[in-house]
Amino acid sequence: MARFVESDLLQVDKANVAWSGAKPFLLAARRQATETINLRLGGQVPSSFGKLPPVRASRHKSSNC
């Protein structure tokens, strides 16, 4: 983010353009880290991870019908 600071002001438009594609990668990294932490801590996620996004329902139907 520091590279988008000019005259002590964050240039938000430039930062948004540069970071616009980062969200999927950041969410994937967070999910992977959370899964690792869950395994080590028995399902408890440290508060430093913040509130996790809701889990979306799967789109495929079960074949048990």
Protein backbone atom coordinates (compact mmCIF):
# COMPACT_ATOMS: atom_id res chain seq x y z
CA MET A 1 0.00 0.00 0.00
CA ALA A 2 2.88 2.34 0.66
CA ARG A 3 3.60 2.65 -3.04
CA PHE A 4 0.24 4.39 -3.47
CA VAL A 5 1.02 7.16 -1.00
CA GLU A 6 1.85 10.52 -2.55
CA SER A 7 2.43 13.66 -0.47
CA ASP A 8 1.37 11.73 2.66
CA LEU A 9 -2.03 10.83 1.14
CA LEU A 10 -3.18 7.41 0.02
CA GLN A 11 -4.23 7.47 -3.63
CA VAL A 12 -7.28 5.25 -3.16
CA ASP A 13 -8.20 4.98 -6.85
CA LYS A 14 -4.74 3.69 -7.76
CA ALA A 15 -4.70 1.28 -4.82
CA ASN A 16 -8.16 -0.07 -5.69
CA VAL A 17 -7.13 -0.76 -9.28
CA ALA A 18 -3.96 -2.54 -8.21
CA TRP A 19 -5.66 -4.62 -5.50
CA SER A 20 -8.96 -5.33 -7.31
CA GLY A 21 -7.97 -8.88 -8.25
CA ALA A 22 -6.45 -9.77 -4.89
CA LYS A 23 -9.63 -10.64 -2.99
CA PRO A 24 -9.97 -14.26 -4.26
CA PHE A 25 -6.32 -14.95 -3.45
CA LEU A 26 -6.58 -13.40 0.01
CA LEU A 27 -9.76 -15.34 0.80
CA ALA A 28 -8.15 -18.59 -0.35
CA ALA A 29 -5.09 -17.93 1.82
CA ARG A 30 -7.30 -17.13 4.79
CA ARG A 31 -9.37 -20.29 4.25
CA GLN A 32 -6.23 -22.42 4.06
CA ALA A 33 -4.75 -20.83 7.18
CA THR A 34 -8.05 -21.21 9.03
CA GLU A 35 -8.29 -24.90 8.14
CA THR A 36 -4.75 -25.47 9.40
CA ILE A 37 -5.46 -23.58 12.63
CA ASN A 38 -8.73 -25.49 13.10
CA LEU A 39 -6.88 -28.79 12.91
CA ARG A 40 -4.29 -27.65 15.45
CA LEU A 41 -6.66 -25.94 17.89
CA GLY A 42 -9.59 -28.32 17.75
CA GLY A 43 -11.93 -26.09 15.74
CA GLN A 44 -11.24 -22.77 17.46
CA VAL A 45 -10.12 -19.90 15.28
CA PRO A 46 -8.09 -17.10 16.90
CA SER A 47 -9.90 -13.78 17.11
CA SER A 48 -7.10 -12.22 15.07
CA PHE A 49 -8.62 -13.93 12.02
CA GLY A 50 -11.74 -11.78 12.35
CA LYS A 51 -15.22 -12.92 11.45
CA LEU A 52 -15.16 -15.50 8.68
CA PRO A 53 -17.45 -15.09 5.66
CA PRO A 54 -20.53 -17.34 5.64
CA VAL A 55 -20.14 -20.74 4.01
CA ARG A 56 -22.09 -20.99 0.79
CA ALA A 57 -24.26 -24.02 0.18
CA SER A 58 -23.02 -26.54 -2.34
CA ARG A 59 -24.64 -26.42 -5.77
CA HIS A 60 -24.66 -30.14 -6.41
CA LYS A 61 -27.40 -32.37 -5.20
CA SER A 62 -26.81 -35.47 -3.17
CA SER A 63 -27.03 -38.80 -5.03
CA ASN A 64 -28.62 -40.47 -2.00
CA CYS A 65 -32.17 -39.88 -3.26
